[in-house]
C-alpha atoms as a PDB file:
ATOM      1  CA  MET A   1       0.000   0.000   0.000  1.00  0.00           C
ATOM      2  CA  ARG A   2       2.762   2.425   0.908  1.00  0.00           C
ATOM      3  CA  GLY A   3       4.685   1.582  -2.268  1.00  0.00           C
ATOM      4  CA  ARG A   4       1.598   2.200  -4.405  1.00  0.00           C
ATOM      5  CA  LEU A   5       2.269  -1.034  -6.224  1.00  0.00           C
ATOM      6  CA  LEU A   6      -0.093  -2.675  -8.666  1.00  0.00           C
ATOM      7  CA  VAL A   7      -1.027  -6.059  -7.199  1.00  0.00           C
ATOM      8  CA  GLN A   8      -2.757  -9.159  -8.431  1.00  0.00           C
ATOM      9  CA  PHE A   9      -4.354 -11.863  -6.306  1.00  0.00           C
ATOM     10  CA  GLU A  10      -6.838 -14.682  -6.454  1.00  0.00           C
ATOM     11  CA  ARG A  11      -9.787 -15.550  -4.251  1.00  0.00           C
ATOM     12  CA  PRO A  12     -11.435 -18.910  -3.588  1.00  0.00           C
ATOM     13  CA  PHE A  13     -14.871 -17.775  -4.832  1.00  0.00           C
ATOM     14  CA  GLU A  14     -14.230 -16.745  -8.399  1.00  0.00           C
ATOM     15  CA  PRO A  15     -12.069 -17.751 -11.342  1.00  0.00           C
ATOM     16  CA  GLY A  16      -9.339 -15.414 -12.475  1.00  0.00           C
ATOM     17  CA  SER A  17      -7.748 -12.733 -10.403  1.00  0.00           C
ATOM     18  CA  VAL A  18      -8.195  -9.227  -9.070  1.00  0.00           C
ATOM     19  CA  ILE A  19      -5.845  -6.521 -10.338  1.00  0.00           C
ATOM     20  CA  GLY A  20      -5.622  -3.166  -8.615  1.00  0.00           C
ATOM     21  CA  TYR A  21      -4.052  -0.918  -6.039  1.00  0.00           C
ATOM     22  CA  VAL A  22      -4.500  -1.550  -2.334  1.00  0.00           C
ATOM     23  CA  ARG A  23      -5.782   1.779  -1.041  1.00  0.00           C
ATOM     24  CA  ALA A  24      -6.601   0.949   2.581  1.00  0.00           C
ATOM     25  CA  MET A  25      -6.690  -1.898   5.069  1.00  0.00           C
ATOM     26  CA  GLY A  26      -8.598  -2.573   8.231  1.00  0.00           C
ATOM     27  CA  SER A  27      -8.114  -5.434  10.650  1.00  0.00           C
ATOM     28  CA  ALA A  28     -10.110  -7.803   8.442  1.00  0.00           C
ATOM     29  CA  LEU A  29     -10.907  -5.922   5.216  1.00  0.00           C
ATOM     30  CA  LEU A  30      -8.881  -4.756   2.225  1.00  0.00           C
ATOM     31  CA  LEU A  31      -9.946  -1.851  -0.069  1.00  0.00           C
ATOM     32  CA  VAL A  32      -8.719  -2.154  -3.661  1.00  0.00           C
ATOM     33  CA  ALA A  33      -8.988   0.418  -6.458  1.00  0.00           C
ATOM     34  CA  VAL A  34      -9.726  -2.060  -9.235  1.00  0.00           C
ATOM     35  CA  ILE A  35      -8.204  -2.029 -12.697  1.00  0.00           C
ATOM     36  CA  GLY A  36     -10.669  -3.591 -15.125  1.00  0.00           C
ATOM     37  CA  GLU A  37      -9.987  -5.976 -17.985  1.00  0.00           C
ATOM     38  CA  ASP A  38      -9.810  -2.976 -20.330  1.00  0.00           C
ATOM     39  CA  LEU A  39      -6.988  -1.582 -18.163  1.00  0.00           C
ATOM     40  CA  THR A  40      -9.005   1.352 -16.844  1.00  0.00           C
ATOM     41  CA  PRO A  41      -9.935   2.144 -13.230  1.00  0.00           C
ATOM     42  CA  ASN A  42     -13.302   0.611 -12.316  1.00  0.00           C
ATOM     43  CA  GLY A  43     -14.286   1.616  -8.816  1.00  0.00           C
ATOM     44  CA  PHE A  44     -13.516  -0.081  -5.554  1.00  0.00           C
ATOM     45  CA  GLN A  45     -13.870  -3.565  -4.186  1.00  0.00           C
ATOM     46  CA  VAL A  46     -13.530  -4.591  -0.572  1.00  0.00           C
ATOM     47  CA  PHE A  47     -12.435  -8.106   0.295  1.00  0.00           C
ATOM     48  CA  ARG A  48     -11.895 -10.082   3.435  1.00  0.00           C
ATOM     49  CA  ILE A  49      -8.123 -10.275   3.940  1.00  0.00           C
ATOM     50  CA  ARG A  50      -8.426 -13.960   4.818  1.00  0.00           C
ATOM     51  CA  ASP A  51      -9.703 -14.670   1.269  1.00  0.00           C
ATOM     52  CA  VAL A  52      -6.640 -13.272  -0.526  1.00  0.00           C
ATOM     53  CA  ARG A  53      -4.624 -16.019  -2.246  1.00  0.00           C
ATOM     54  CA  ARG A  54      -1.552 -16.079  -4.470  1.00  0.00           C
ATOM     55  CA  LEU A  55      -0.603 -12.435  -4.051  1.00  0.00           C
ATOM     56  CA  ASP A  56       1.606 -11.165  -6.878  1.00  0.00           C
ATOM     57  CA  LEU A  57       3.409  -8.072  -5.571  1.00  0.00           C
ATOM     58  CA  PRO A  58       4.069  -6.159  -7.710  1.00  0.00           C
ATOM     59  CA  HIS A  59       1.950  -7.384 -10.601  1.00  0.00           C
ATOM     60  CA  ALA A  60       4.084  -9.150 -13.218  1.00  0.00           C
ATOM     61  CA  HIS A  61       3.104  -6.648 -15.948  1.00  0.00           C
ATOM     62  CA  ALA A  62       2.799  -3.547 -13.769  1.00  0.00           C
ATOM     63  CA  GLY A  63       4.968  -1.449 -16.097  1.00  0.00           C
ATOM     64  CA  PHE A  64       2.699  -2.120 -19.066  1.00  0.00           C
ATOM     65  CA  VAL A  65      -0.524  -1.470 -17.127  1.00  0.00           C
ATOM     66  CA  GLU A  66       0.792   1.736 -15.579  1.00  0.00           C
ATOM     67  CA  GLU A  67       2.050   3.021 -18.943  1.00  0.00           C
ATOM     68  CA  ALA A  68      -1.360   2.329 -20.511  1.00  0.00           C
ATOM     69  CA  LEU A  69      -3.042   4.252 -17.687  1.00  0.00           C
ATOM     70  CA  ARG A  70      -0.595   7.140 -18.089  1.00  0.00           C
ATOM     71  CA  LEU A  71      -0.980   7.361 -21.877  1.00  0.00           C
ATOM     72  CA  ARG A  72      -4.773   7.383 -21.556  1.00  0.00           C
ATOM     73  CA  GLY A  73      -4.645  10.062 -18.900  1.00  0.00           C
ATOM     74  CA  GLU A  74      -6.341   7.707 -16.435  1.00  0.00           C
ATOM     75  CA  ARG A  75      -5.835   8.258 -12.732  1.00  0.00           C
ATOM     76  CA  VAL A  76      -6.321   5.619 -10.109  1.00  0.00           C
ATOM     77  CA  PRO A  77      -8.721   7.076  -7.529  1.00  0.00           C
ATOM     78  CA  ARG A  78      -7.650   7.732  -3.973  1.00  0.00           C
ATOM     79  CA  ALA A  79      -9.211   5.797  -1.157  1.00  0.00           C
ATOM     80  CA  PRO A  80     -12.658   7.069  -0.237  1.00  0.00           C
ATOM     81  CA  ARG A  81     -13.236   7.732   3.446  1.00  0.00           C
ATOM     82  CA  VAL A  82     -14.924   4.464   4.263  1.00  0.00           C
ATOM     83  CA  ARG A  83     -14.623   2.478   7.463  1.00  0.00           C
ATOM     84  CA  LEU A  84     -12.955  -0.895   7.207  1.00  0.00           C
ATOM     85  CA  ASP A  85     -13.757  -2.155  10.721  1.00  0.00           C
ATOM     86  CA  GLY A  86     -16.265  -4.673   9.315  1.00  0.00           C
ATOM     87  CA  PHE A  87     -18.920  -4.960   6.639  1.00  0.00           C
ATOM     88  CA  PRO A  88     -21.658  -3.082   8.579  1.00  0.00           C
ATOM     89  CA  GLU A  89     -19.401  -0.050   9.096  1.00  0.00           C
ATOM     90  CA  LEU A  90     -18.145  -0.265   5.532  1.00  0.00           C
ATOM     91  CA  LEU A  91     -21.648  -0.437   4.048  1.00  0.00           C
ATOM     92  CA  ARG A  92     -22.927   2.476   6.132  1.00  0.00           C
ATOM     93  CA  SER A  93     -19.941   4.691   5.248  1.00  0.00           C
ATOM     94  CA  ALA A  94     -19.832   3.702   1.555  1.00  0.00           C
ATOM     95  CA  SER A  95     -23.556   4.410   1.191  1.00  0.00           C
ATOM     96  CA  ARG A  96     -22.965   7.985   2.324  1.00  0.00           C
ATOM     97  CA  LEU A  97     -20.385   8.494  -0.459  1.00  0.00           C
ATOM     98  CA  PHE A  98     -21.757   6.423  -3.347  1.00  0.00           C
ATOM     99  CA  PRO A  99     -25.317   6.178  -4.688  1.00  0.00           C
ATOM    100  CA  LEU A 100     -25.220   2.358  -4.906  1.00  0.00           C
ATOM    101  CA  VAL A 101     -23.279  -0.485  -3.350  1.00  0.00           C
ATOM    102  CA  THR A 102     -23.026  -4.105  -4.409  1.00  0.00           C
ATOM    103  CA  ILE A 103     -22.873  -6.986  -1.993  1.00  0.00           C
ATOM    104  CA  HIS A 104     -21.663 -10.475  -2.834  1.00  0.00           C
ATOM    105  CA  ARG A 105     -22.554 -13.594  -0.864  1.00  0.00           C
ATOM    106  CA  GLU A 106     -20.356 -15.983  -2.790  1.00  0.00           C
ATOM    107  CA  ARG A 107     -20.716 -18.957  -0.451  1.00  0.00           C
ATOM    108  CA  VAL A 108     -24.511 -18.718  -0.617  1.00  0.00           C
ATOM    109  CA  ASP A 109     -24.919 -17.839  -4.317  1.00  0.00           C
ATOM    110  CA  PRO A 110     -21.646 -17.409  -6.237  1.00  0.00           C
ATOM    111  CA  GLU A 111     -23.408 -16.367  -9.460  1.00  0.00           C
ATOM    112  CA  SER A 112     -25.352 -13.443  -8.000  1.00  0.00           C
ATOM    113  CA  CYS A 113     -24.806 -10.009  -6.543  1.00  0.00           C
ATOM    114  CA  TRP A 114     -27.222  -7.547  -5.017  1.00  0.00           C
ATOM    115  CA  ILE A 115     -27.053  -3.853  -5.840  1.00  0.00           C
ATOM    116  CA  GLY A 116     -28.855  -1.030  -4.089  1.00  0.00           C
ATOM    117  CA  ARG A 117     -28.924   1.605  -1.394  1.00  0.00           C
ATOM    118  CA  VAL A 118     -28.106   0.612   2.152  1.00  0.00           C
ATOM    119  CA  VAL A 119     -31.149   1.322   4.314  1.00  0.00           C
ATOM    120  CA  ASP A 120     -29.619   0.018   7.520  1.00  0.00           C
ATOM    121  CA  ALA A 121     -26.754  -2.211   8.628  1.00  0.00           C
ATOM    122  CA  ASP A 122     -25.879  -3.647  12.008  1.00  0.00           C
ATOM    123  CA  GLU A 123     -23.614  -6.473  13.177  1.00  0.00           C
ATOM    124  CA  ARG A 124     -26.046  -9.169  12.023  1.00  0.00           C
ATOM    125  CA  ARG A 125     -28.048  -7.825   9.073  1.00  0.00           C
ATOM    126  CA  VAL A 126     -27.934  -5.359   6.212  1.00  0.00           C
ATOM    127  CA  ARG A 127     -31.101  -4.002   4.659  1.00  0.00           C
ATOM    128  CA  LEU A 128     -30.701  -3.059   1.012  1.00  0.00           C
ATOM    129  CA  LEU A 129     -33.235  -1.273  -1.212  1.00  0.00           C
ATOM    130  CA  GLU A 130     -32.321  -3.069  -4.399  1.00  0.00           C
ATOM    131  CA  ILE A 131     -32.254  -1.903  -7.974  1.00  0.00           C
ATOM    132  CA  ASP A 132     -32.601  -4.383 -10.827  1.00  0.00           C
ATOM    133  CA  PRO A 133     -30.630  -4.565 -14.112  1.00  0.00           C
ATOM    134  CA  SER A 134     -33.145  -2.273 -15.845  1.00  0.00           C
ATOM    135  CA  ALA A 135     -32.624   0.402 -13.149  1.00  0.00           C
ATOM    136  CA  ALA A 136     -36.023  -0.223 -11.533  1.00  0.00           C
ATOM    137  CA  TRP A 137     -36.187  -0.007  -7.740  1.00  0.00           C
ATOM    138  CA  HIS A 138     -37.717  -2.793  -5.678  1.00  0.00           C
ATOM    139  CA  ALA A 139     -40.744  -1.848  -3.579  1.00  0.00           C
ATOM    140  CA  GLU A 140     -39.283  -2.938  -0.232  1.00  0.00           C
ATOM    141  CA  PRO A 141     -35.774  -3.467   1.140  1.00  0.00           C
ATOM    142  CA  SER A 142     -34.329  -6.962   1.284  1.00  0.00           C
ATOM    143  CA  GLU A 143     -32.421  -8.221   4.287  1.00  0.00           C
ATOM    144  CA  TYR A 144     -29.149 -10.163   4.196  1.00  0.00           C
ATOM    145  CA  ARG A 145     -26.956 -11.683   6.877  1.00  0.00           C
ATOM    146  CA  VAL A 146     -23.659  -9.801   7.285  1.00  0.00           C
ATOM    147  CA  ALA A 147     -21.860 -13.079   8.013  1.00  0.00           C
ATOM    148  CA  GLU A 148     -22.653 -14.203   4.449  1.00  0.00           C
ATOM    149  CA  ILE A 149     -21.057 -11.172   2.760  1.00  0.00           C
ATOM    150  CA  THR A 150     -17.698 -11.945   1.143  1.00  0.00           C
ATOM    151  CA  ARG A 151     -17.159  -8.817  -0.972  1.00  0.00           C
ATOM    152  CA  THR A 152     -18.597  -5.372  -1.659  1.00  0.00           C
ATOM    153  CA  ASP A 153     -18.198  -3.070  -4.662  1.00  0.00           C
ATOM    154  CA  PHE A 154     -18.922   0.620  -5.182  1.00  0.00           C
ATOM    155  CA  GLY A 155     -17.953   3.447  -7.494  1.00  0.00           C
ATOM    156  CA  GLY A 156     -17.664   1.177 -10.533  1.00  0.00           C
ATOM    157  CA  GLY A 157     -18.968   1.713 -14.024  1.00  0.00           C
ATOM    158  CA  TYR A 158     -21.960  -0.606 -13.706  1.00  0.00           C
ATOM    159  CA  GLU A 159     -23.166   0.872 -10.411  1.00  0.00           C
ATOM    160  CA  GLY A 160     -22.674   4.345 -11.869  1.00  0.00           C
ATOM    161  CA  ALA A 161     -24.724   3.508 -14.964  1.00  0.00           C
ATOM    162  CA  LEU A 162     -27.566   2.084 -12.871  1.00  0.00           C
ATOM    163  CA  ALA A 163     -27.611   5.167 -10.642  1.00  0.00           C
ATOM    164  CA  LEU A 164     -27.536   7.474 -13.668  1.00  0.00           C
ATOM    165  CA  VAL A 165     -30.453   5.763 -15.414  1.00  0.00           C
ATOM    166  CA  ALA A 166     -32.493   5.418 -12.206  1.00  0.00           C
ATOM    167  CA  GLY A 167     -31.922   9.096 -11.419  1.00  0.00           C
ATOM    168  CA  SER A 168     -32.913  10.178 -14.913  1.00  0.00           C
ATOM    169  CA  ARG A 169     -36.300   8.483 -14.503  1.00  0.00           C
ATOM    170  CA  GLY A 170     -37.142  10.653 -11.534  1.00  0.00           C
ATOM    171  CA  SER A 171     -39.220   8.168  -9.559  1.00  0.00           C
ATOM    172  CA  ALA A 172     -38.748   4.674  -8.221  1.00  0.00           C
ATOM    173  CA  ARG A 173     -40.589   1.880  -9.971  1.00  0.00           C
ATOM    174  CA  SER A 174     -41.218  -1.369  -8.189  1.00  0.00           C
ATOM    175  CA  LYS A 175     -40.045  -4.740  -9.327  1.00  0.00           C
ATOM    176  CA  ARG A 176     -38.781  -7.802  -7.457  1.00  0.00           C
ATOM    177  CA  SER A 177     -35.875  -9.654  -9.022  1.00  0.00           C
ATOM    178  CA  ARG A 178     -32.320 -10.517  -8.224  1.00  0.00           C
ATOM    179  CA  THR A 179     -29.506  -8.695  -9.956  1.00  0.00           C
ATOM    180  CA  ARG A 180     -27.257 -11.165 -11.759  1.00  0.00           C
ATOM    181  CA  SER A 181     -23.582 -10.465 -12.167  1.00  0.00           C
END
């Protein structure tokens, strides 16, 4: 983190690897400014430190990636002021800074993610007013167990597009469905 090195690591829940810059760490959580497959910054992801596997520090092709970012005029964002004490604190603080957050419960349903606004979060549960892939808001918040959360995302291109389209419609429409990743 201090060396501002591009890192790459794997996780047990998904194929492939995460590439990005570690921007902050808590006792159990790691905040990464993600570099997408197209080699552009794509928001933030927060992972449990215990899930990080096969850390490549620095990334084997860091020079290439960083030169591509520089030539495109892309800047890796600084760490937002989010709390990394645990997922409840993270979700509450991220929801104050970003219009939408994504939660992943990869042990429960590895193919799905849930995107929305955090209504409330405590040590046991998070209540999320979800938005579906067509930018329609659900009628009521859904509740998820914090212990099941393995990752959160915010500030990325997809969340930004959903927030933009939902905001342009002016009013929330109701629809119940799960957001698929």
